[in-house]
Amino acid sequence: LILLLFISVSAAASPSPYLSAATLFRNHERMLKTFKIFIYAPSKPFDFTGDPASSLFYESLRRSRFLTENPAEADLFFVPFSPLTSTRSLARLVREIRNDFPFWNRTLGADHFYLSPEGIDFSSDRNALELKKNAIQVSNFPVASGNFIPHKDITLPPIFVAQQDVNLTEPPLFLAYLEWDGKTDTDLVNELNRDPAFVVDVISSPPSIYLRNVRKSKFCLFLRHGGDLTRIVAAISSGCVPTLIVDRPIQDLPLMDILKWSDLALFVAAAAGDSVRLKRILTGVGEEKFSKMRGSCAAAAGRHLSWNVPSQPLDAFEMVMYELWLRRHAVRYSRRE
């Protein structure tokens, strides 16, 4: 069975990737003028070597205009720790912050945030549990099941090499392209391989072949439980509309408070061996709708999903900061006398 989970029809005359463009640009200016973050001093130096997105976010934050040395004027508090930190050490870190500063206990950590590339799991320790349940987690996309709480947590847009010479007026040669991990949904993939409208490569294919096939395809297929989901952003940049074959809604996409992902991608639930219905869904997307989605993809990738050094207005770093700014109004618990 294949069910089309969500394909919205944009009423706008021109492609727009935003949930609300007016709200974003108005609030963005307010954020730049008022948003302040206090960083607790780490116990020892550390970095995010081998993790480009986390490393770039961390270094951009440390150099940003948003920092303040006066915790009294801070909207949010950043808790820095190494990605190798154990649960026991996290609990000890929170306990030290609770004892040495007055800010954690005001909200039980709800106005704090931390960076953990893979996300942290639940713990029986009170301090680690408050960090998990209350503080805002910033992590890489995608996040392992159980390590992401949708109403508060944020994911970083994956770093990708922007395609500068993409011709959106050139008609694609293939209906869809899949970079396959060689083991997930084999029945479906075998059927796709027999249909010339689809192109399937294994993940070990050279980057040049990957980019060539992405740019020649209308839709790029992604299996939620197999393949490299971080390449969704690269597909968007290349003008290939992402199509995610999933078994449940995806709640950890980057910039979900900003981008209207239903206009950037297709989300399709598919059982193994349903290539016929999958093809029917893809061919059912009219050219006008496809052109609008492709245009929205280009607008999003060219501005808000791109990382820069130093950060540029409205780029990926500033959009993550905007998502943090939206979460600055934490519930403050009154202290019992």
C-alpha atoms as a PDB file:
ATOM      1  CA  LEU A   1       0.000   0.000   0.000  1.00  0.00           C
ATOM      2  CA  ILE A   2       1.217   3.471  -0.867  1.00  0.00           C
ATOM      3  CA  LEU A   3      -0.387   6.476   0.743  1.00  0.00           C
ATOM      4  CA  LEU A   4       0.398  10.019  -0.227  1.00  0.00           C
ATOM      5  CA  LEU A   5       0.880  11.627   3.163  1.00  0.00           C
ATOM      6  CA  PHE A   6       1.165  15.225   2.189  1.00  0.00           C
ATOM      7  CA  ILE A   7       1.348  17.204  -1.044  1.00  0.00           C
ATOM      8  CA  SER A   8       0.083  20.724  -0.680  1.00  0.00           C
ATOM      9  CA  VAL A   9      -0.906  22.985  -3.551  1.00  0.00           C
ATOM     10  CA  SER A  10       0.635  26.422  -3.248  1.00  0.00           C
ATOM     11  CA  ALA A  11      -1.729  29.292  -3.784  1.00  0.00           C
ATOM     12  CA  ALA A  12       1.061  31.769  -4.229  1.00  0.00           C
ATOM     13  CA  ALA A  13       1.715  33.188  -7.680  1.00  0.00           C
ATOM     14  CA  SER A  14       5.453  32.627  -7.285  1.00  0.00           C
ATOM     15  CA  PRO A  15       7.339  29.877  -5.477  1.00  0.00           C
ATOM     16  CA  SER A  16       7.865  30.500  -1.766  1.00  0.00           C
ATOM     17  CA  PRO A  17       9.528  28.098   0.641  1.00  0.00           C
ATOM     18  CA  TYR A  18       8.216  29.826   3.774  1.00  0.00           C
ATOM     19  CA  LEU A  19       5.520  29.062   6.302  1.00  0.00           C
ATOM     20  CA  SER A  20       5.169  32.848   6.595  1.00  0.00           C
ATOM     21  CA  ALA A  21       7.627  35.104   4.803  1.00  0.00           C
ATOM     22  CA  ALA A  22       6.282  38.295   6.433  1.00  0.00           C
ATOM     23  CA  THR A  23       6.629  36.850   9.936  1.00  0.00           C
ATOM     24  CA  LEU A  24      10.135  35.561   9.273  1.00  0.00           C
ATOM     25  CA  PHE A  25      11.601  38.786   7.929  1.00  0.00           C
ATOM     26  CA  ARG A  26       9.877  40.954  10.539  1.00  0.00           C
ATOM     27  CA  ASN A  27      10.988  38.771  13.439  1.00  0.00           C
ATOM     28  CA  HIS A  28      14.467  38.296  12.008  1.00  0.00           C
ATOM     29  CA  GLU A  29      15.152  42.013  12.382  1.00  0.00           C
ATOM     30  CA  ARG A  30      13.897  41.947  15.973  1.00  0.00           C
ATOM     31  CA  MET A  31      16.116  38.965  16.720  1.00  0.00           C
ATOM     32  CA  LEU A  32      19.233  40.665  15.405  1.00  0.00           C
ATOM     33  CA  LYS A  33      18.617  43.655  17.667  1.00  0.00           C
ATOM     34  CA  THR A  34      17.613  41.960  20.900  1.00  0.00           C
ATOM     35  CA  PHE A  35      18.620  38.286  21.126  1.00  0.00           C
ATOM     36  CA  LYS A  36      21.293  37.571  23.751  1.00  0.00           C
ATOM     37  CA  ILE A  37      22.975  34.305  24.752  1.00  0.00           C
ATOM     38  CA  PHE A  38      25.221  33.573  27.721  1.00  0.00           C
ATOM     39  CA  ILE A  39      27.697  30.700  27.350  1.00  0.00           C
ATOM     40  CA  TYR A  40      28.850  28.813  30.423  1.00  0.00           C
ATOM     41  CA  ALA A  41      32.615  28.333  30.434  1.00  0.00           C
ATOM     42  CA  PRO A  42      33.494  24.734  29.478  1.00  0.00           C
ATOM     43  CA  SER A  43      35.556  22.806  31.999  1.00  0.00           C
ATOM     44  CA  LYS A  44      38.170  22.050  29.316  1.00  0.00           C
ATOM     45  CA  PRO A  45      38.650  22.823  25.605  1.00  0.00           C
ATOM     46  CA  PHE A  46      36.928  20.564  23.071  1.00  0.00           C
ATOM     47  CA  ASP A  47      35.830  20.592  19.453  1.00  0.00           C
ATOM     48  CA  PHE A  48      33.568  18.779  16.994  1.00  0.00           C
ATOM     49  CA  THR A  49      36.296  17.379  14.750  1.00  0.00           C
ATOM     50  CA  GLY A  50      34.858  15.225  11.977  1.00  0.00           C
ATOM     51  CA  ASP A  51      31.422  16.813  12.217  1.00  0.00           C
ATOM     52  CA  PRO A  52      31.346  19.811   9.848  1.00  0.00           C
ATOM     53  CA  ALA A  53      27.831  21.108  10.632  1.00  0.00           C
ATOM     54  CA  SER A  54      28.209  20.946  14.429  1.00  0.00           C
ATOM     55  CA  SER A  55      31.698  22.416  14.263  1.00  0.00           C
ATOM     56  CA  LEU A  56      30.585  25.292  12.060  1.00  0.00           C
ATOM     57  CA  PHE A  57      27.573  26.048  14.240  1.00  0.00           C
ATOM     58  CA  TYR A  58      29.672  26.002  17.421  1.00  0.00           C
ATOM     59  CA  GLU A  59      32.398  28.246  16.025  1.00  0.00           C
ATOM     60  CA  SER A  60      29.836  30.609  14.456  1.00  0.00           C
ATOM     61  CA  LEU A  61      28.017  30.876  17.786  1.00  0.00           C
ATOM     62  CA  ARG A  62      31.235  31.695  19.655  1.00  0.00           C
ATOM     63  CA  ARG A  63      31.989  34.505  17.159  1.00  0.00           C
ATOM     64  CA  SER A  64      28.443  35.805  16.857  1.00  0.00           C
ATOM     65  CA  ARG A  65      26.839  39.106  17.762  1.00  0.00           C
ATOM     66  CA  PHE A  66      24.373  37.304  20.035  1.00  0.00           C
ATOM     67  CA  LEU A  67      26.768  36.629  22.898  1.00  0.00           C
ATOM     68  CA  THR A  68      26.701  38.538  26.158  1.00  0.00           C
ATOM     69  CA  GLU A  69      28.986  38.370  29.178  1.00  0.00           C
ATOM     70  CA  ASN A  70      26.144  39.586  31.389  1.00  0.00           C
ATOM     71  CA  PRO A  71      23.873  36.620  32.208  1.00  0.00           C
ATOM     72  CA  ALA A  72      21.207  38.989  33.542  1.00  0.00           C
ATOM     73  CA  GLU A  73      20.420  40.162  30.010  1.00  0.00           C
ATOM     74  CA  ALA A  74      20.508  36.693  28.409  1.00  0.00           C
ATOM     75  CA  ASP A  75      17.443  35.201  26.750  1.00  0.00           C
ATOM     76  CA  LEU A  76      19.002  31.743  26.553  1.00  0.00           C
ATOM     77  CA  PHE A  77      21.961  29.971  28.171  1.00  0.00           C
ATOM     78  CA  PHE A  78      24.260  27.653  26.198  1.00  0.00           C
ATOM     79  CA  VAL A  79      25.662  24.559  27.923  1.00  0.00           C
ATOM     80  CA  PRO A  80      28.840  23.505  26.059  1.00  0.00           C
ATOM     81  CA  PHE A  81      30.183  19.969  26.294  1.00  0.00           C
ATOM     82  CA  SER A  82      32.169  17.547  24.173  1.00  0.00           C
ATOM     83  CA  PRO A  83      30.244  15.118  21.938  1.00  0.00           C
ATOM     84  CA  LEU A  84      32.147  12.347  23.762  1.00  0.00           C
ATOM     85  CA  THR A  85      30.695  13.277  27.159  1.00  0.00           C
ATOM     86  CA  SER A  86      29.111  10.352  29.031  1.00  0.00           C
ATOM     87  CA  THR A  87      25.661  10.471  30.630  1.00  0.00           C
ATOM     88  CA  ARG A  88      27.250  10.450  34.096  1.00  0.00           C
ATOM     89  CA  SER A  89      29.445  13.412  33.174  1.00  0.00           C
ATOM     90  CA  LEU A  90      26.432  15.274  31.731  1.00  0.00           C
ATOM     91  CA  ALA A  91      24.569  14.776  34.985  1.00  0.00           C
ATOM     92  CA  ARG A  92      27.550  16.123  36.917  1.00  0.00           C
ATOM     93  CA  LEU A  93      27.803  19.136  34.587  1.00  0.00           C
ATOM     94  CA  VAL A  94      24.140  20.060  35.079  1.00  0.00           C
ATOM     95  CA  ARG A  95      24.487  19.592  38.842  1.00  0.00           C
ATOM     96  CA  GLU A  96      27.437  21.999  38.879  1.00  0.00           C
ATOM     97  CA  ILE A  97      25.525  24.594  36.852  1.00  0.00           C
ATOM     98  CA  ARG A  98      22.532  24.210  39.161  1.00  0.00           C
ATOM     99  CA  ASN A  99      24.689  24.723  42.252  1.00  0.00           C
ATOM    100  CA  ASP A 100      26.994  27.470  40.943  1.00  0.00           C
ATOM    101  CA  PHE A 101      24.469  29.645  39.072  1.00  0.00           C
ATOM    102  CA  PRO A 102      20.866  30.714  39.790  1.00  0.00           C
ATOM    103  CA  PHE A 103      19.589  30.382  36.212  1.00  0.00           C
ATOM    104  CA  TRP A 104      18.940  26.653  35.807  1.00  0.00           C
ATOM    105  CA  ASN A 105      16.549  26.379  38.739  1.00  0.00           C
ATOM    106  CA  ARG A 106      14.364  29.253  37.476  1.00  0.00           C
ATOM    107  CA  THR A 107      13.134  27.132  34.589  1.00  0.00           C
ATOM    108  CA  LEU A 108      14.579  23.676  35.336  1.00  0.00           C
ATOM    109  CA  GLY A 109      16.699  24.224  32.232  1.00  0.00           C
ATOM    110  CA  ALA A 110      13.948  25.271  29.809  1.00  0.00           C
ATOM    111  CA  ASP A 111      15.813  28.469  28.826  1.00  0.00           C
ATOM    112  CA  HIS A 112      19.040  26.534  28.193  1.00  0.00           C
ATOM    113  CA  PHE A 113      20.277  24.803  25.051  1.00  0.00           C
ATOM    114  CA  TYR A 114      23.096  22.470  24.101  1.00  0.00           C
ATOM    115  CA  LEU A 115      24.731  21.020  21.009  1.00  0.00           C
ATOM    116  CA  SER A 116      24.829  17.230  20.650  1.00  0.00           C
ATOM    117  CA  PRO A 117      25.444  15.924  17.103  1.00  0.00           C
ATOM    118  CA  GLU A 118      23.608  12.628  17.637  1.00  0.00           C
ATOM    119  CA  GLY A 119      21.268  13.805  20.388  1.00  0.00           C
ATOM    120  CA  ILE A 120      21.114  12.423  23.918  1.00  0.00           C
ATOM    121  CA  ASP A 121      18.882   9.684  25.254  1.00  0.00           C
ATOM    122  CA  PHE A 122      16.739   9.612  28.377  1.00  0.00           C
ATOM    123  CA  SER A 123      18.354   8.937  31.749  1.00  0.00           C
ATOM    124  CA  SER A 124      17.186   8.056  35.242  1.00  0.00           C
ATOM    125  CA  ASP A 125      19.416  10.741  36.761  1.00  0.00           C
ATOM    126  CA  ARG A 126      17.413  13.878  37.598  1.00  0.00           C
ATOM    127  CA  ASN A 127      19.985  16.321  36.236  1.00  0.00           C
ATOM    128  CA  ALA A 128      20.536  14.497  32.934  1.00  0.00           C
ATOM    129  CA  LEU A 129      16.778  13.983  32.591  1.00  0.00           C
ATOM    130  CA  GLU A 130      16.069  17.712  32.993  1.00  0.00           C
ATOM    131  CA  LEU A 131      18.676  18.437  30.323  1.00  0.00           C
ATOM    132  CA  LYS A 132      16.978  15.969  27.978  1.00  0.00           C
ATOM    133  CA  LYS A 133      13.337  16.908  28.665  1.00  0.00           C
ATOM    134  CA  ASN A 134      13.582  20.663  29.222  1.00  0.00           C
ATOM    135  CA  ALA A 135      16.644  22.161  27.522  1.00  0.00           C
ATOM    136  CA  ILE A 136      16.648  22.756  23.759  1.00  0.00           C
ATOM    137  CA  GLN A 137      18.723  20.199  21.888  1.00  0.00           C
ATOM    138  CA  VAL A 138      20.542  21.203  18.694  1.00  0.00           C
ATOM    139  CA  SER A 139      21.665  18.151  16.723  1.00  0.00           C
ATOM    140  CA  ASN A 140      22.415  16.878  13.242  1.00  0.00           C
ATOM    141  CA  PHE A 141      19.735  15.716  10.838  1.00  0.00           C
ATOM    142  CA  PRO A 142      18.549  12.981  10.921  1.00  0.00           C
ATOM    143  CA  VAL A 143      18.300  12.156  14.622  1.00  0.00           C
ATOM    144  CA  ALA A 144      18.003   8.619  15.949  1.00  0.00           C
ATOM    145  CA  SER A 145      14.544   7.610  17.119  1.00  0.00           C
ATOM    146  CA  GLY A 146      14.049   8.600  20.759  1.00  0.00           C
ATOM    147  CA  ASN A 147      16.765  11.257  20.721  1.00  0.00           C
ATOM    148  CA  PHE A 148      14.540  14.088  19.442  1.00  0.00           C
ATOM    149  CA  ILE A 149      11.617  15.879  21.131  1.00  0.00           C
ATOM    150  CA  PRO A 150       9.693  17.692  18.350  1.00  0.00           C
ATOM    151  CA  HIS A 151       8.149  20.592  20.284  1.00  0.00           C
ATOM    152  CA  LYS A 152      11.517  21.958  21.434  1.00  0.00           C
ATOM    153  CA  ASP A 153      14.482  20.384  19.644  1.00  0.00           C
ATOM    154  CA  ILE A 154      16.236  21.663  16.491  1.00  0.00           C
ATOM    155  CA  THR A 155      18.330  20.053  13.752  1.00  0.00           C
ATOM    156  CA  LEU A 156      21.157  21.621  11.768  1.00  0.00           C
ATOM    157  CA  PRO A 157      20.951  21.781   7.963  1.00  0.00           C
ATOM    158  CA  PRO A 158      23.565  19.411   6.507  1.00  0.00           C
ATOM    159  CA  ILE A 159      26.524  21.064   4.813  1.00  0.00           C
ATOM    160  CA  PHE A 160      26.519  20.663   1.040  1.00  0.00           C
ATOM    161  CA  VAL A 161      28.358  22.039  -1.979  1.00  0.00           C
ATOM    162  CA  ALA A 162      26.002  24.469  -3.722  1.00  0.00           C
ATOM    163  CA  GLN A 163      25.451  23.818  -7.420  1.00  0.00           C
ATOM    164  CA  GLN A 164      26.031  27.152  -9.112  1.00  0.00           C
ATOM    165  CA  ASP A 165      25.105  26.252 -12.706  1.00  0.00           C
ATOM    166  CA  VAL A 166      21.773  24.470 -12.222  1.00  0.00           C
ATOM    167  CA  ASN A 167      19.469  25.145 -15.166  1.00  0.00           C
ATOM    168  CA  LEU A 168      15.884  24.929 -13.874  1.00  0.00           C
ATOM    169  CA  THR A 169      14.497  25.408 -17.384  1.00  0.00           C
ATOM    170  CA  GLU A 170      16.132  22.234 -18.693  1.00  0.00           C
ATOM    171  CA  PRO A 171      13.664  19.300 -18.610  1.00  0.00           C
ATOM    172  CA  PRO A 172      14.855  16.314 -16.531  1.00  0.00           C
ATOM    173  CA  LEU A 173      15.611  13.041 -18.346  1.00  0.00           C
ATOM    174  CA  PHE A 174      14.461  10.670 -15.607  1.00  0.00           C
ATOM    175  CA  LEU A 175      11.388  10.552 -13.411  1.00  0.00           C
ATOM    176  CA  ALA A 176      13.258   9.695 -10.225  1.00  0.00           C
ATOM    177  CA  TYR A 177      16.681   8.822  -8.845  1.00  0.00           C
ATOM    178  CA  LEU A 178      17.556   6.689  -5.811  1.00  0.00           C
ATOM    179  CA  GLU A 179      20.933   6.318  -4.153  1.00  0.00           C
ATOM    180  CA  TRP A 180      20.518   2.961  -2.424  1.00  0.00           C
ATOM    181  CA  ASP A 181      22.342   1.470   0.570  1.00  0.00           C
ATOM    182  CA  GLY A 182      22.158  -2.009  -0.958  1.00  0.00           C
ATOM    183  CA  LYS A 183      19.928  -3.578   1.690  1.00  0.00           C
ATOM    184  CA  THR A 184      16.839  -1.508   2.518  1.00  0.00           C
ATOM    185  CA  ASP A 185      13.480  -2.220   0.818  1.00  0.00           C
ATOM    186  CA  THR A 186      15.005  -4.619  -1.692  1.00  0.00           C
ATOM    187  CA  ASP A 187      11.635  -5.608  -3.218  1.00  0.00           C
ATOM    188  CA  LEU A 188      10.792  -2.009  -4.023  1.00  0.00           C
ATOM    189  CA  VAL A 189      14.284  -1.261  -5.332  1.00  0.00           C
ATOM    190  CA  ASN A 190      14.269  -4.353  -7.570  1.00  0.00           C
ATOM    191  CA  GLU A 191      11.021  -3.164  -9.155  1.00  0.00           C
ATOM    192  CA  LEU A 192      12.429   0.341  -9.649  1.00  0.00           C
ATOM    193  CA  ASN A 193      15.492  -1.132 -11.348  1.00  0.00           C
ATOM    194  CA  ARG A 194      13.281  -2.774 -13.942  1.00  0.00           C
ATOM    195  CA  ASP A 195      11.597   0.504 -14.877  1.00  0.00           C
ATOM    196  CA  PRO A 196      13.623   2.801 -17.200  1.00  0.00           C
ATOM    197  CA  ALA A 197      11.924   5.859 -15.699  1.00  0.00           C
ATOM    198  CA  PHE A 198      13.933   5.274 -12.497  1.00  0.00           C
ATOM    199  CA  VAL A 199      17.694   5.335 -11.939  1.00  0.00           C
ATOM    200  CA  VAL A 200      19.173   3.437  -8.975  1.00  0.00           C
ATOM    201  CA  ASP A 201      22.789   3.675  -7.822  1.00  0.00           C
ATOM    202  CA  VAL A 202      24.489   2.160  -4.808  1.00  0.00           C
ATOM    203  CA  ILE A 203      25.903   4.518  -2.203  1.00  0.00           C
ATOM    204  CA  SER A 204      29.474   3.720  -3.253  1.00  0.00           C
ATOM    205  CA  SER A 205      28.943   5.433  -6.618  1.00  0.00           C
ATOM    206  CA  PRO A 206      31.445   8.242  -7.344  1.00  0.00           C
ATOM    207  CA  PRO A 207      30.207  11.754  -6.451  1.00  0.00           C
ATOM    208  CA  SER A 208      30.326  12.786 -10.110  1.00  0.00           C
ATOM    209  CA  ILE A 209      27.833  10.056 -11.032  1.00  0.00           C
ATOM    210  CA  TYR A 210      25.616  10.955  -8.099  1.00  0.00           C
ATOM    211  CA  LEU A 211      25.449  14.637  -9.021  1.00  0.00           C
ATOM    212  CA  ARG A 212      24.907  13.829 -12.697  1.00  0.00           C
ATOM    213  CA  ASN A 213      21.919  11.608 -11.982  1.00  0.00           C
ATOM    214  CA  VAL A 214      20.460  14.012  -9.412  1.00  0.00           C
ATOM    215  CA  ARG A 215      20.532  16.878 -11.879  1.00  0.00           C
ATOM    216  CA  LYS A 216      18.932  14.759 -14.608  1.00  0.00           C
ATOM    217  CA  SER A 217      16.008  13.612 -12.442  1.00  0.00           C
ATOM    218  CA  LYS A 218      12.702  15.243 -11.480  1.00  0.00           C
ATOM    219  CA  PHE A 219      12.511  13.552  -8.090  1.00  0.00           C
ATOM    220  CA  CYS A 220      15.184  12.221  -5.745  1.00  0.00           C
ATOM    221  CA  LEU A 221      14.013   9.252  -3.676  1.00  0.00           C
ATOM    222  CA  PHE A 222      15.100   8.802  -0.055  1.00  0.00           C
ATOM    223  CA  LEU A 223      14.356   5.790   2.128  1.00  0.00           C
ATOM    224  CA  ARG A 224      13.862   6.877   5.736  1.00  0.00           C
ATOM    225  CA  HIS A 225      15.606   3.804   7.126  1.00  0.00           C
ATOM    226  CA  GLY A 226      18.322   3.491   4.497  1.00  0.00           C
ATOM    227  CA  GLY A 227      20.638   5.760   2.543  1.00  0.00           C
ATOM    228  CA  ASP A 228      22.109   9.141   3.307  1.00  0.00           C
ATOM    229  CA  LEU A 229      19.288  11.507   4.300  1.00  0.00           C
ATOM    230  CA  THR A 230      21.732  14.386   4.644  1.00  0.00           C
ATOM    231  CA  ARG A 231      21.813  14.524   0.835  1.00  0.00           C
ATOM    232  CA  ILE A 232      18.261  15.876   0.802  1.00  0.00           C
ATOM    233  CA  VAL A 233      19.711  19.380   0.910  1.00  0.00           C
ATOM    234  CA  ALA A 234      22.117  18.588  -1.947  1.00  0.00           C
ATOM    235  CA  ALA A 235      19.159  17.360  -4.001  1.00  0.00           C
ATOM    236  CA  ILE A 236      17.259  20.557  -3.283  1.00  0.00           C
ATOM    237  CA  SER A 237      20.274  22.586  -4.362  1.00  0.00           C
ATOM    238  CA  SER A 238      20.417  20.673  -7.651  1.00  0.00           C
ATOM    239  CA  GLY A 239      16.758  21.217  -8.504  1.00  0.00           C
ATOM    240  CA  CYS A 240      15.730  17.615  -7.773  1.00  0.00           C
ATOM    241  CA  VAL A 241      12.571  17.526  -5.643  1.00  0.00           C
ATOM    242  CA  PRO A 242      13.151  15.224  -2.628  1.00  0.00           C
ATOM    243  CA  THR A 243      10.672  12.378  -2.226  1.00  0.00           C
ATOM    244  CA  LEU A 244      10.895  10.686   1.153  1.00  0.00           C
ATOM    245  CA  ILE A 245       9.500   7.159   1.377  1.00  0.00           C
ATOM    246  CA  VAL A 246       8.564   6.841   5.034  1.00  0.00           C
ATOM    247  CA  ASP A 247       6.472   4.836   7.465  1.00  0.00           C
ATOM    248  CA  ARG A 248       5.652   7.763   9.757  1.00  0.00           C
ATOM    249  CA  PRO A 249       5.755  11.591   9.723  1.00  0.00           C
ATOM    250  CA  ILE A 250       9.232  13.112   9.844  1.00  0.00           C
ATOM    251  CA  GLN A 251       9.506  15.621  12.673  1.00  0.00           C
ATOM    252  CA  ASP A 252      13.222  16.432  12.691  1.00  0.00           C
ATOM    253  CA  LEU A 253      13.689  18.137   9.315  1.00  0.00           C
ATOM    254  CA  PRO A 254      15.923  21.239   9.463  1.00  0.00           C
ATOM    255  CA  LEU A 255      14.267  24.647   9.890  1.00  0.00           C
ATOM    256  CA  MET A 256      10.769  23.238  10.397  1.00  0.00           C
ATOM    257  CA  ASP A 257       9.655  26.519  12.025  1.00  0.00           C
ATOM    258  CA  ILE A 258      10.635  28.435   8.898  1.00  0.00           C
ATOM    259  CA  LEU A 259      10.377  26.340   5.741  1.00  0.00           C
ATOM    260  CA  LYS A 260       7.191  24.895   4.321  1.00  0.00           C
ATOM    261  CA  TRP A 261       8.576  21.446   3.675  1.00  0.00           C
ATOM    262  CA  SER A 262       5.336  20.338   2.053  1.00  0.00           C
ATOM    263  CA  ASP A 263       6.223  22.717  -0.818  1.00  0.00           C
ATOM    264  CA  LEU A 264       9.839  21.546  -0.930  1.00  0.00           C
ATOM    265  CA  ALA A 265       9.388  17.777  -0.865  1.00  0.00           C
ATOM    266  CA  LEU A 266       6.972  14.876  -1.226  1.00  0.00           C
ATOM    267  CA  PHE A 267       6.326  12.548   1.688  1.00  0.00           C
ATOM    268  CA  VAL A 268       5.070   9.138   0.629  1.00  0.00           C
ATOM    269  CA  ALA A 269       4.304   6.061   2.707  1.00  0.00           C
ATOM    270  CA  ALA A 270       5.138   2.936   0.738  1.00  0.00           C
ATOM    271  CA  ALA A 271       5.232  -0.769   1.406  1.00  0.00           C
ATOM    272  CA  ALA A 272       7.785  -2.973  -0.307  1.00  0.00           C
ATOM    273  CA  GLY A 273       6.975  -3.825  -3.885  1.00  0.00           C
ATOM    274  CA  ASP A 274       4.716  -0.845  -4.624  1.00  0.00           C
ATOM    275  CA  SER A 275       6.680   0.787  -7.419  1.00  0.00           C
ATOM    276  CA  VAL A 276       3.598   1.043  -9.646  1.00  0.00           C
ATOM    277  CA  ARG A 277       1.710   3.230  -7.204  1.00  0.00           C
ATOM    278  CA  LEU A 278       4.841   5.201  -6.390  1.00  0.00           C
ATOM    279  CA  LYS A 279       5.220   5.967 -10.093  1.00  0.00           C
ATOM    280  CA  ARG A 280       1.553   6.923 -10.282  1.00  0.00           C
ATOM    281  CA  ILE A 281       2.028   9.454  -7.474  1.00  0.00           C
ATOM    282  CA  LEU A 282       5.130  10.989  -9.057  1.00  0.00           C
ATOM    283  CA  THR A 283       3.643  11.244 -12.531  1.00  0.00           C
ATOM    284  CA  GLY A 284       0.514  12.730 -10.953  1.00  0.00           C
ATOM    285  CA  VAL A 285       2.434  15.854  -9.947  1.00  0.00           C
ATOM    286  CA  GLY A 286       1.603  18.336 -12.701  1.00  0.00           C
ATOM    287  CA  GLU A 287       4.259  20.436 -14.401  1.00  0.00           C
ATOM    288  CA  GLU A 288       3.011  23.652 -12.802  1.00  0.00           C
ATOM    289  CA  LYS A 289       3.197  22.129  -9.328  1.00  0.00           C
ATOM    290  CA  PHE A 290       6.605  20.605 -10.060  1.00  0.00           C
ATOM    291  CA  SER A 291       7.976  23.930 -11.316  1.00  0.00           C
ATOM    292  CA  LYS A 292       6.774  25.695  -8.187  1.00  0.00           C
ATOM    293  CA  MET A 293       8.341  23.057  -5.933  1.00  0.00           C
ATOM    294  CA  ARG A 294      11.595  23.254  -7.866  1.00  0.00           C
ATOM    295  CA  GLY A 295      11.582  27.036  -7.562  1.00  0.00           C
ATOM    296  CA  SER A 296      10.911  26.849  -3.819  1.00  0.00           C
ATOM    297  CA  CYS A 297      13.780  24.371  -3.490  1.00  0.00           C
ATOM    298  CA  ALA A 298      16.154  26.744  -5.255  1.00  0.00           C
ATOM    299  CA  ALA A 299      15.090  29.677  -3.055  1.00  0.00           C
ATOM    300  CA  ALA A 300      15.548  27.706   0.149  1.00  0.00           C
ATOM    301  CA  ALA A 301      18.859  26.128  -0.805  1.00  0.00           C
ATOM    302  CA  GLY A 302      20.367  29.320  -2.117  1.00  0.00           C
ATOM    303  CA  ARG A 303      19.764  31.232   1.063  1.00  0.00           C
ATOM    304  CA  HIS A 304      18.607  29.487   4.214  1.00  0.00           C
ATOM    305  CA  LEU A 305      20.153  26.020   3.953  1.00  0.00           C
ATOM    306  CA  SER A 306      23.632  27.292   3.066  1.00  0.00           C
ATOM    307  CA  TRP A 307      26.433  27.700   5.612  1.00  0.00           C
ATOM    308  CA  ASN A 308      28.964  30.507   5.294  1.00  0.00           C
ATOM    309  CA  VAL A 309      32.200  31.573   6.995  1.00  0.00           C
ATOM    310  CA  PRO A 310      31.640  34.125   8.316  1.00  0.00           C
ATOM    311  CA  SER A 311      27.886  33.818   8.642  1.00  0.00           C
ATOM    312  CA  GLN A 312      25.766  35.835   6.199  1.00  0.00           C
ATOM    313  CA  PRO A 313      22.287  37.350   6.705  1.00  0.00           C
ATOM    314  CA  LEU A 314      19.518  34.725   6.671  1.00  0.00           C
ATOM    315  CA  ASP A 315      21.904  31.810   6.068  1.00  0.00           C
ATOM    316  CA  ALA A 316      21.783  28.458   7.859  1.00  0.00           C
ATOM    317  CA  PHE A 317      23.435  29.729  11.043  1.00  0.00           C
ATOM    318  CA  GLU A 318      21.104  32.713  11.388  1.00  0.00           C
ATOM    319  CA  MET A 319      18.086  30.502  10.684  1.00  0.00           C
ATOM    320  CA  VAL A 320      19.077  28.105  13.466  1.00  0.00           C
ATOM    321  CA  MET A 321      19.527  31.119  15.744  1.00  0.00           C
ATOM    322  CA  TYR A 322      16.060  32.283  14.703  1.00  0.00           C
ATOM    323  CA  GLU A 323      14.607  28.929  15.721  1.00  0.00           C
ATOM    324  CA  LEU A 324      16.324  29.309  19.091  1.00  0.00           C
ATOM    325  CA  TRP A 325      14.953  32.858  19.391  1.00  0.00           C
ATOM    326  CA  LEU A 326      11.434  31.513  18.841  1.00  0.00           C
ATOM    327  CA  ARG A 327      11.980  29.278  21.884  1.00  0.00           C
ATOM    328  CA  ARG A 328      13.255  32.000  24.190  1.00  0.00           C
ATOM    329  CA  HIS A 329       9.955  32.424  26.105  1.00  0.00           C
ATOM    330  CA  ALA A 330      10.422  29.529  28.491  1.00  0.00           C
ATOM    331  CA  VAL A 331       8.034  28.874  31.352  1.00  0.00           C
ATOM    332  CA  ARG A 332       9.626  30.191  34.513  1.00  0.00           C
ATOM    333  CA  TYR A 333       8.846  28.143  37.581  1.00  0.00           C
ATOM    334  CA  SER A 334       8.208  30.136  40.745  1.00  0.00           C
ATOM    335  CA  ARG A 335      10.441  29.277  43.643  1.00  0.00           C
ATOM    336  CA  ARG A 336       8.746  28.129  46.817  1.00  0.00           C
ATOM    337  CA  GLU A 337       9.463  30.248  49.834  1.00  0.00           C
END
